[in-house]
Each structure stands twice: as C-alpha cells, then as structure tokens.
C-alpha cells in the first residue's frame, strides 16, 4: 500500500503546477472542515458584528460603539456647572461662566486619553446661538465644529436668569484589537470569516453533490450494462435527454419547484451530474462483462449484486474518480451560480455565490473588496480542483503512458 502511494505521488508530482493546485485544494478542504476554528469570528452570529463596522477597508480595526454622555446643566445668571462620573471612574466636568457682551463660555474638562468626537447642546433658547457650531435645521440643537475649543453661547443683550439645557458628549471608543484583514461588507461582517464559511459550504455542497451523483450514476450504469435491452435503452435515452438541457436550466427548475436549501441543491446537483457517471460506468462495465473472470463468477452462481459490486465496479473506479474530481468543481460552480441568482442556499447558509451577489452592488464603486475577494477565492478553488482532475485524467489515460 505504501509502495502504491509513493508511486502515485511520484507520478503526480511530475507536473509542479498540479502539486501546487493539490496543496491549494487541500487548504480549501481544511477550511471546509475547520472553519469554526480558524475563522476570526462567526460572520452569521448577530452578536459578533455591528453596522458601525460596515464597509471598512482591508486592514481596518473593529471599533466599539460610541459612548454617549448626556449632562443636564442648569445655570443662574450665567453661572452653573455639572459633574458626572462614568462607570469606569472617568470624571467629566462642564462649567458655564459669563463672558463679555452677554456671552456665556462653556468649558468641558475630561481626563487625558478620553477623546471627544462630538459635542452637542440641546434645548437652548430659540433666540440663542453658539459660535463655531452648526444648528439643526428643525430642532434647537447645536453641534460644535471643533469639540476641543470652548463653546461660546450668545443669548442676546441680557443673560437669562435661569438657563436650562443639556450637553451631549460622544466619545470615540478605542479599537478592540480585531483587524479586518479583508475588510467588511455592507452588514459589518468580517470578509475573511465570511469567505472561510462560504468556502466551507460551497466545498461541502460540491463534494457531497458530486459523490451522490457518482453513486446514483454508477448504479444506473451498472444496471444498464448488466440487463441490457429495454432497460439499457430507457436509462441511456433518459441520460441523453438530460444532457440536451443546460445544467443551469435544470437547477433553476428543480429549485423553483422544491425551494431553497442545502438538501434541495444537492438533489439538483445529483439530477444534473448523474448522466456522465452513468455513461462512463456503462461503457466500462460492457467491456468487463466480456472478461473471463465475469464468466467464472457466473459459473460459480454468484449473485448479480456481488458480481457487479465486487468484480465489475472496482474496475470502473479509476475513470469514475477522475470524473468525480472534475465534477466537484462543476458542482461548486453550479451552486455558486444558483446562489448568485438567489435560488440556491438561504441567507442563513450563505456560500461564495451569495457573497458575490451581496457585493454586486458595490462592483463599480471604491468598495471593491466586498465582491472581488469572494470571486477570486471561487475562481482559485475551481481552477485548482480542475487542474488536479486533469492531472488524474492524464495519469489514468493509457494513450499518454510512455
């Protein structure tokens, strides 16, 4: 067994590009198996992402939601103040003092390292104004242009005896340390994590769908070759009719009738891909049925099931395994196409095709990473699997043996 493995890899490694693609395929297979362990976060857990992180570029850091502090301030004859202590012990003091020409000077003190991103003054008198601030078009609300500078409130020629208003501070929160290596999408999800989970679903759906197609197709091919006659003609005519219809059309028809879901798309893949396995198995089985070992097995009165499974099917496996490898890439492409059209997997089980569809609206904007990165990963995965399949086909092609 070890000798056969060494001989296989020795012949396979004659094409360096095939070895590279095999390594890439194994990496994608590892992502499919260990996605929850290697992904930085679960992109489909609502508790792990925030809309405030939406559309961040690659390399950006996750930010916590801004801290908002509301401080009601009451002043008499232009003098007043308020002090507030936050849960972490941070002490903030706002002081209002009279200035020249009926102006009031508002100063806010906070410790070093506590950065203020915005200061708003609410419920000021309608005839009041704030220098260096923008007024809300409807509400009596002023937002300071430069939060680092003291606010100067103009109340007219006479300072009100009693002045009640609120000071709202928005503090920038520090980064949590999580870095979005590939940026985020429009929902604030980490693109790297979303791609890893997308690879997981696409790879598993493609592999299971192709394997199911091989089981169904090879079974029908053995039945057609063993019984022949009308059964053989019926199975092959159904296969010919199936091949005459475009694969995407069959997938759309199946999913339109059955609905979305992993099980539904697996059924669609099996209905599309079984024909190639059936035709290949039938052609190989017809040649094997004329062999002496099959006549000897019939002479021993072995059952048809045992002859087909123990003697004929093993000789059909080499070409079937080659077709299986290539059809995995075809199944992944089919699933991505159906998900891109919105009839494949549901939103709770997104694949690479759905990630590309979500990023399609950003295709011609500066937010290139939302659609480009999932598309590149899908392209790399499909090309790698196809190259590995082509190499296996060349290895098992007797006409290319030297």
Protein backbone atom coordinates (compact mmCIF):
# COMPACT_ATOMS: atom_id res chain seq x y z
CA UNK A 1 0.00 0.00 0.00
CA UNK A 2 2.84 2.38 0.88
CA UNK A 3 4.60 1.48 -2.36
CA UNK A 4 1.46 2.29 -4.38
CA UNK A 5 1.08 5.65 -2.61
CA UNK A 6 4.70 6.55 -3.30
CA UNK A 7 4.36 5.53 -6.92
CA UNK A 8 1.16 7.60 -7.27
CA UNK A 9 2.65 10.77 -5.78
CA UNK A 10 5.87 10.30 -7.73
CA UNK A 11 3.96 10.24 -11.00
CA UNK A 12 1.60 13.01 -9.88
CA UNK A 13 4.48 15.33 -8.94
CA UNK A 14 5.87 15.27 -12.47
CA UNK A 15 3.67 18.34 -13.07
CA UNK A 16 4.65 21.02 -10.49
CA UNK A 17 1.57 23.11 -11.22
CA UNK A 18 -0.61 20.10 -10.34
CA UNK A 19 1.19 19.74 -7.00
CA UNK A 20 0.61 23.42 -6.23
CA UNK A 21 -3.07 23.11 -7.09
CA UNK A 22 -3.32 19.96 -4.95
CA UNK A 23 -1.92 21.89 -1.97
CA UNK A 24 -4.39 24.73 -2.60
CA UNK A 25 -7.26 22.23 -2.82
CA UNK A 26 -6.22 20.66 0.47
CA UNK A 27 -6.13 24.12 2.05
CA UNK A 28 -9.71 24.73 0.91
CA UNK A 29 -10.68 21.30 2.25
CA UNK A 30 -9.12 22.26 5.59
CA UNK A 31 -11.14 25.48 5.60
CA UNK A 32 -14.27 23.45 4.97
CA UNK A 33 -13.58 21.14 7.91
CA UNK A 34 -12.10 23.56 10.45
CA UNK A 35 -13.90 26.81 9.52
CA UNK A 36 -15.28 27.47 13.06
CA UNK A 37 -11.76 27.07 14.49
CA UNK A 38 -9.75 29.18 12.04
CA UNK A 39 -12.23 31.98 11.25
CA UNK A 40 -11.64 35.15 13.32
CA UNK A 41 -15.37 35.35 14.09
CA UNK A 42 -18.67 33.78 13.17
CA UNK A 43 -19.96 36.15 10.47
CA UNK A 44 -23.51 34.85 10.80
CA UNK A 45 -23.86 35.38 14.54
CA UNK A 46 -25.63 38.71 15.03
CA UNK A 47 -23.75 39.26 18.29
CA UNK A 48 -20.32 39.32 16.63
CA UNK A 49 -20.71 42.20 14.18
CA UNK A 50 -22.12 45.71 14.16
CA UNK A 51 -23.43 48.01 11.46
CA UNK A 52 -20.96 50.62 12.67
CA UNK A 53 -18.21 48.46 11.14
CA UNK A 54 -19.88 48.28 7.71
CA UNK A 55 -17.79 48.79 4.57
CA UNK A 56 -14.46 49.13 6.37
CA UNK A 57 -11.42 48.77 4.06
CA UNK A 58 -8.94 45.87 4.32
CA UNK A 59 -6.69 46.21 7.35
CA UNK A 60 -9.16 48.34 9.36
CA UNK A 61 -9.78 47.66 13.04
CA UNK A 62 -13.10 46.93 14.66
CA UNK A 63 -14.47 49.85 16.66
CA UNK A 64 -16.84 49.70 19.58
CA UNK A 65 -19.99 51.76 19.55
CA UNK A 66 -19.50 55.38 20.53
CA UNK A 67 -20.03 56.31 24.17
CA UNK A 68 -22.78 58.94 24.58
CA UNK A 69 -22.89 61.01 27.79
CA UNK A 70 -25.83 63.35 28.49
CA UNK A 71 -25.25 66.03 31.15
CA UNK A 72 -28.21 68.31 32.12
CA UNK A 73 -26.89 71.75 33.06
CA UNK A 74 -28.81 74.44 34.97
CA UNK A 75 -27.35 77.96 35.30
CA UNK A 76 -28.48 81.07 37.14
CA UNK A 77 -27.32 84.48 35.96
CA UNK A 78 -25.00 82.75 33.53
CA UNK A 79 -23.14 80.62 36.07
CA UNK A 80 -23.50 76.92 36.62
CA UNK A 81 -21.86 73.57 36.27
CA UNK A 82 -22.38 69.83 36.33
CA UNK A 83 -20.15 66.87 37.12
CA UNK A 84 -20.62 63.26 36.01
CA UNK A 85 -18.61 60.16 36.86
CA UNK A 86 -18.79 57.23 34.45
CA UNK A 87 -18.79 53.54 35.38
CA UNK A 88 -15.06 53.24 34.72
CA UNK A 89 -14.32 56.17 37.04
CA UNK A 90 -13.90 58.76 34.32
CA UNK A 91 -14.79 62.24 35.67
CA UNK A 92 -16.29 64.83 33.32
CA UNK A 93 -16.97 68.43 34.40
CA UNK A 94 -18.89 71.06 32.42
CA UNK A 95 -18.65 74.69 33.64
CA UNK A 96 -20.64 77.69 32.37
CA UNK A 97 -19.36 81.22 33.15
CA UNK A 98 -20.38 84.71 31.89
CA UNK A 99 -18.23 86.28 29.21
CA UNK A 100 -18.21 89.74 27.67
CA UNK A 101 -21.17 91.24 25.76
CA UNK A 102 -23.74 88.86 27.19
CA UNK A 103 -21.96 85.74 26.07
CA UNK A 104 -21.57 82.57 28.08
CA UNK A 105 -18.47 80.40 27.98
CA UNK A 106 -18.92 76.66 28.29
CA UNK A 107 -15.80 74.65 29.16
CA UNK A 108 -15.67 70.87 29.46
CA UNK A 109 -12.92 69.08 31.34
CA UNK A 110 -12.16 65.39 30.89
CA UNK A 111 -9.04 63.30 31.62
CA UNK A 112 -6.25 62.66 29.12
CA UNK A 113 -6.88 59.80 26.70
CA UNK A 114 -10.65 60.39 26.67
CA UNK A 115 -11.23 61.71 23.16
CA UNK A 116 -14.43 63.54 22.32
CA UNK A 117 -15.68 63.12 18.76
CA UNK A 118 -18.72 65.43 19.04
CA UNK A 119 -20.37 67.84 21.48
CA UNK A 120 -24.00 68.84 21.10
CA UNK A 121 -26.01 71.41 23.03
CA UNK A 122 -29.73 70.66 23.35
CA UNK A 123 -32.76 72.72 24.43
CA UNK A 124 -31.13 76.13 24.18
CA UNK A 125 -33.47 79.14 23.82
CA UNK A 126 -34.56 79.72 20.24
CA UNK A 127 -33.02 83.19 20.17
CA UNK A 128 -29.67 81.85 21.40
CA UNK A 129 -26.77 80.93 19.11
CA UNK A 130 -23.44 79.18 19.52
CA UNK A 131 -20.29 80.47 17.88
CA UNK A 132 -18.37 77.87 15.90
CA UNK A 133 -21.29 75.43 15.81
CA UNK A 134 -23.89 74.14 13.33
CA UNK A 135 -27.57 74.37 14.17
CA UNK A 136 -30.02 71.61 13.44
CA UNK A 137 -32.49 72.73 10.73
CA UNK A 138 -35.53 71.80 12.86
CA UNK A 139 -34.61 71.21 16.48
CA UNK A 140 -32.96 73.65 18.86
CA UNK A 141 -29.73 71.70 18.74
CA UNK A 142 -26.18 72.89 18.13
CA UNK A 143 -23.16 70.73 17.21
CA UNK A 144 -19.70 72.16 17.84
CA UNK A 145 -17.42 72.13 14.83
CA UNK A 146 -14.27 71.81 16.96
CA UNK A 147 -15.00 69.86 20.18
CA UNK A 148 -11.58 70.79 21.59
CA UNK A 149 -12.46 74.50 21.78
CA UNK A 150 -14.74 76.03 24.48
CA UNK A 151 -18.28 76.78 23.35
CA UNK A 152 -19.38 80.44 23.30
CA UNK A 153 -23.15 80.83 23.75
CA UNK A 154 -24.76 84.12 22.69
CA UNK A 155 -28.04 84.77 24.49
CA UNK A 156 -28.65 88.38 23.43
CA UNK A 157 -28.12 91.62 25.32
CA UNK A 158 -29.45 90.21 28.60
CA UNK A 159 -28.36 86.97 30.18
CA UNK A 160 -31.37 84.80 31.21
CA UNK A 161 -31.91 84.50 34.94
CA UNK A 162 -32.34 80.75 34.66
CA UNK A 163 -30.93 78.73 31.76
CA UNK A 164 -31.56 75.01 31.42
CA UNK A 165 -30.04 72.92 28.61
CA UNK A 166 -28.23 69.64 28.08
CA UNK A 167 -24.69 68.87 27.00
CA UNK A 168 -24.32 65.65 24.99
CA UNK A 169 -20.82 64.23 24.50
CA UNK A 170 -19.97 61.46 22.03
CA UNK A 171 -16.67 59.83 22.94
CA UNK A 172 -14.69 57.82 20.42
CA UNK A 173 -14.15 54.27 21.59
CA UNK A 174 -10.77 52.59 21.20
CA UNK A 175 -10.25 49.71 18.79
CA UNK A 176 -10.92 46.26 20.20
CA UNK A 177 -7.84 44.78 18.56
CA UNK A 178 -9.72 42.77 15.92
CA UNK A 179 -8.33 43.59 12.48
CA UNK A 180 -10.39 43.02 9.36
CA UNK A 181 -7.71 41.66 7.05
CA UNK A 182 -10.02 41.71 4.01
CA UNK A 183 -12.33 44.49 5.20
CA UNK A 184 -16.05 44.22 5.96
CA UNK A 185 -19.20 44.04 3.87
CA UNK A 186 -22.30 46.21 3.95
CA UNK A 187 -23.53 44.50 7.13
CA UNK A 188 -20.29 44.91 9.08
CA UNK A 189 -19.26 41.25 8.75
CA UNK A 190 -15.60 40.31 8.53
CA UNK A 191 -14.96 39.38 4.88
CA UNK A 192 -12.22 36.87 5.75
CA UNK A 193 -14.54 35.00 8.11
CA UNK A 194 -17.41 35.18 5.63
CA UNK A 195 -15.19 33.78 2.86
CA UNK A 196 -13.94 30.93 5.07
CA UNK A 197 -17.51 29.97 5.97
CA UNK A 198 -18.52 30.41 2.32
CA UNK A 199 -15.72 28.06 1.22
CA UNK A 200 -16.95 25.58 3.82
CA UNK A 201 -20.50 25.49 2.47
CA UNK A 202 -19.51 25.60 -1.22
CA UNK A 203 -16.86 22.89 -0.89
CA UNK A 204 -19.04 20.55 1.16
CA UNK A 205 -22.05 21.02 -1.11
CA UNK A 206 -19.89 20.45 -4.20
CA UNK A 207 -18.14 17.37 -2.80
CA UNK A 208 -21.29 15.72 -1.39
CA UNK A 209 -23.29 16.56 -4.51
CA UNK A 210 -20.65 15.10 -6.84
CA UNK A 211 -20.28 12.00 -4.65
CA UNK A 212 -24.05 11.49 -4.66
CA UNK A 213 -24.05 11.87 -8.43
CA UNK A 214 -21.36 9.20 -8.74
CA UNK A 215 -23.32 6.76 -6.55
CA UNK A 216 -26.57 7.25 -8.46
CA UNK A 217 -24.95 7.39 -11.90
CA UNK A 218 -22.66 4.38 -11.42
CA UNK A 219 -25.57 2.32 -10.06
CA UNK A 220 -27.72 3.12 -13.10
CA UNK A 221 -24.77 2.46 -15.40
CA UNK A 222 -24.19 -1.00 -13.91
CA UNK A 223 -27.90 -1.80 -14.19
CA UNK A 224 -27.96 -0.70 -17.83
CA UNK A 225 -24.88 -2.76 -18.71
CA UNK A 226 -25.97 -5.88 -16.82
CA UNK A 227 -29.55 -6.14 -18.02
CA UNK A 228 -29.22 -4.52 -21.44
CA UNK A 229 -32.20 -4.48 -23.77
CA UNK A 230 -35.04 -2.13 -22.98
CA UNK A 231 -33.70 -1.23 -19.55
CA UNK A 232 -30.40 -0.17 -21.09
CA UNK A 233 -32.17 1.82 -23.81
CA UNK A 234 -34.50 3.52 -21.34
CA UNK A 235 -31.69 4.62 -19.00
CA UNK A 236 -29.49 5.86 -21.83
CA UNK A 237 -32.31 7.76 -23.55
CA UNK A 238 -33.11 9.49 -20.25
CA UNK A 239 -29.43 10.37 -19.95
CA UNK A 240 -29.37 11.74 -23.50
CA UNK A 241 -32.44 13.84 -22.80
CA UNK A 242 -30.86 15.11 -19.58
CA UNK A 243 -27.67 16.11 -21.41
CA UNK A 244 -29.66 18.06 -24.00
CA UNK A 245 -30.90 20.51 -21.33
CA UNK A 246 -28.49 23.16 -19.96
CA UNK A 247 -27.38 22.40 -16.42
CA UNK A 248 -28.33 25.81 -15.08
CA UNK A 249 -31.83 25.43 -16.53
CA UNK A 250 -32.31 22.10 -14.74
CA UNK A 251 -31.06 23.60 -11.48
CA UNK A 252 -33.41 26.57 -11.74
CA UNK A 253 -36.36 24.26 -12.48
CA UNK A 254 -35.61 21.94 -9.55
CA UNK A 255 -35.09 24.74 -7.02
CA UNK A 256 -38.15 26.61 -8.25
CA UNK A 257 -40.26 23.53 -7.53
CA UNK A 258 -38.57 22.38 -4.30
CA UNK A 259 -37.44 25.72 -2.84
CA UNK A 260 -34.16 26.81 -1.24
CA UNK A 261 -31.98 24.67 1.00
CA UNK A 262 -28.84 22.56 1.09
CA UNK A 263 -30.79 19.34 0.56
CA UNK A 264 -32.64 20.86 -2.39
CA UNK A 265 -29.48 21.99 -4.15
CA UNK A 266 -27.89 18.57 -3.55
CA UNK A 267 -30.86 17.00 -5.32
CA UNK A 268 -30.38 19.44 -8.19
CA UNK A 269 -26.67 18.56 -8.48
CA UNK A 270 -27.41 14.82 -8.49
CA UNK A 271 -30.09 15.22 -11.18
CA UNK A 272 -27.66 17.21 -13.32
CA UNK A 273 -24.43 15.21 -12.96
CA UNK A 274 -25.54 11.56 -12.77
CA UNK A 275 -25.59 11.17 -16.56
CA UNK A 276 -21.82 11.40 -17.06
CA UNK A 277 -21.15 8.78 -14.38
CA UNK A 278 -23.84 6.50 -15.81
CA UNK A 279 -22.48 6.63 -19.37
CA UNK A 280 -18.88 6.09 -18.20
CA UNK A 281 -19.79 3.20 -15.90
CA UNK A 282 -21.90 1.56 -18.61
CA UNK A 283 -19.12 1.73 -21.21
CA UNK A 284 -16.51 0.25 -18.85
CA UNK A 285 -18.92 -2.37 -17.50
CA UNK A 286 -19.83 -3.57 -21.01
CA UNK A 287 -16.16 -4.23 -21.69
CA UNK A 288 -15.70 -6.00 -18.35
CA UNK A 289 -18.74 -8.22 -18.87
CA UNK A 290 -16.90 -9.94 -21.72
CA UNK A 291 -13.97 -10.82 -19.44
CA UNK A 292 -13.21 -14.35 -18.31
CA UNK A 293 -13.40 -13.53 -14.60
CA UNK A 294 -17.04 -12.46 -15.03
CA UNK A 295 -17.85 -15.76 -16.77
CA UNK A 296 -16.10 -17.60 -13.93
CA UNK A 297 -18.14 -15.69 -11.34
CA UNK A 298 -21.35 -16.57 -13.19
CA UNK A 299 -20.26 -20.19 -13.29
CA UNK A 300 -19.89 -20.14 -9.51
CA UNK A 301 -23.52 -18.95 -9.35
CA UNK A 302 -22.61 -15.68 -7.62
CA UNK A 303 -25.43 -13.18 -7.35
CA UNK A 304 -25.67 -10.30 -9.81
CA UNK A 305 -25.22 -7.80 -6.97
CA UNK A 306 -21.98 -9.43 -5.84
CA UNK A 307 -20.57 -9.67 -9.35
CA UNK A 308 -21.28 -6.02 -10.04
CA UNK A 309 -20.08 -4.64 -6.70
CA UNK A 310 -17.12 -6.94 -6.02
CA UNK A 311 -15.79 -7.55 -9.52
CA UNK A 312 -17.04 -5.06 -12.13
CA UNK A 313 -17.33 -1.85 -10.11
CA UNK A 314 -13.69 -1.83 -8.85
CA UNK A 315 -12.51 -1.82 -12.46
CA UNK A 316 -14.77 1.17 -13.15
CA UNK A 317 -13.43 3.26 -10.26
CA UNK A 318 -10.30 4.83 -11.86
CA UNK A 319 -12.20 6.78 -14.55
CA UNK A 320 -15.04 7.48 -12.11
CA UNK A 321 -12.66 9.04 -9.57
CA UNK A 322 -11.24 11.30 -12.27
CA UNK A 323 -14.74 12.40 -13.28
CA UNK A 324 -15.62 12.86 -9.59
CA UNK A 325 -12.74 15.30 -9.08
CA UNK A 326 -13.69 17.37 -12.11
CA UNK A 327 -17.39 17.30 -11.24
CA UNK A 328 -16.69 18.67 -7.75
CA UNK A 329 -15.51 21.87 -9.41
CA UNK A 330 -18.56 21.82 -11.70
CA UNK A 331 -20.88 21.33 -8.72
CA UNK A 332 -19.26 24.24 -6.85
CA UNK A 333 -19.69 26.46 -9.91
CA UNK A 334 -23.32 25.37 -10.33
CA UNK A 335 -24.10 26.03 -6.66
CA UNK A 336 -22.41 29.45 -6.84
CA UNK A 337 -24.40 30.34 -9.96
CA UNK A 338 -27.71 29.34 -8.40
CA UNK A 339 -26.92 31.19 -5.16
CA UNK A 340 -25.88 34.26 -7.13
CA UNK A 341 -29.28 34.20 -8.84
CA UNK A 342 -30.96 33.98 -5.43
CA UNK A 343 -32.47 30.50 -5.77
CA UNK A 344 -29.71 28.43 -4.16
CA UNK A 345 -28.92 28.46 -0.48
CA UNK A 346 -30.88 30.56 2.06
CA UNK A 347 -29.42 33.62 3.79
CA UNK A 348 -28.69 31.58 6.91
CA UNK A 349 -26.33 29.32 4.91
CA UNK A 350 -24.51 31.71 2.57
CA UNK A 351 -21.90 30.44 0.13
CA UNK A 352 -19.36 32.16 -2.08
CA UNK A 353 -22.00 32.72 -4.75
CA UNK A 354 -24.22 34.58 -2.31
CA UNK A 355 -21.26 36.66 -1.07
CA UNK A 356 -20.57 37.69 -4.66
CA UNK A 357 -24.25 38.55 -5.11
CA UNK A 358 -24.21 40.68 -1.94
CA UNK A 359 -21.20 42.56 -3.23
CA UNK A 360 -22.52 43.04 -6.76
CA UNK A 361 -23.99 46.45 -5.92
CA UNK A 362 -20.52 47.63 -4.88
CA UNK A 363 -18.84 46.24 -8.01
CA UNK A 364 -18.28 49.62 -9.67
CA UNK A 365 -17.61 51.60 -6.51
CA UNK A 366 -14.49 52.01 -4.43
CA UNK A 367 -15.68 49.18 -2.16
CA UNK A 368 -14.07 46.61 -4.43
CA UNK A 369 -13.22 44.07 -1.72
CA UNK A 370 -16.86 43.13 -1.00
CA UNK A 371 -17.31 41.39 -4.36
CA UNK A 372 -13.78 40.90 -5.71
CA UNK A 373 -12.32 38.79 -2.89
CA UNK A 374 -15.09 36.12 -2.82
CA UNK A 375 -14.91 35.97 -6.63
CA UNK A 376 -11.14 35.45 -6.58
CA UNK A 377 -11.44 32.70 -3.97
CA UNK A 378 -14.13 30.93 -6.00
CA UNK A 379 -12.01 31.19 -9.15
CA UNK A 380 -8.91 29.86 -7.37
CA UNK A 381 -10.82 26.93 -5.85
CA UNK A 382 -12.46 25.88 -9.13
CA UNK A 383 -9.24 26.20 -11.15
CA UNK A 384 -7.23 24.22 -8.57
CA UNK A 385 -9.70 21.35 -8.47
CA UNK A 386 -9.88 21.29 -12.28
CA UNK A 387 -6.09 21.13 -12.61
CA UNK A 388 -5.94 18.24 -10.12
CA UNK A 389 -8.68 16.45 -12.05
CA UNK A 390 -6.91 16.99 -15.37
CA UNK A 391 -3.70 15.59 -13.92
CA UNK A 392 -5.50 12.48 -12.67
CA UNK A 393 -7.11 12.05 -16.08
CA UNK A 394 -3.71 12.19 -17.76
CA UNK A 395 -2.29 9.67 -15.29
CA UNK A 396 -5.05 7.14 -15.94
CA UNK A 397 -5.12 7.64 -19.72
CA UNK A 398 -3.29 4.65 -21.24
CA UNK A 399 -2.71 6.52 -24.52
CA UNK A 400 -0.49 9.02 -22.69
CA UNK A 401 1.64 6.40 -20.94
CA UNK A 402 5.25 6.46 -22.04
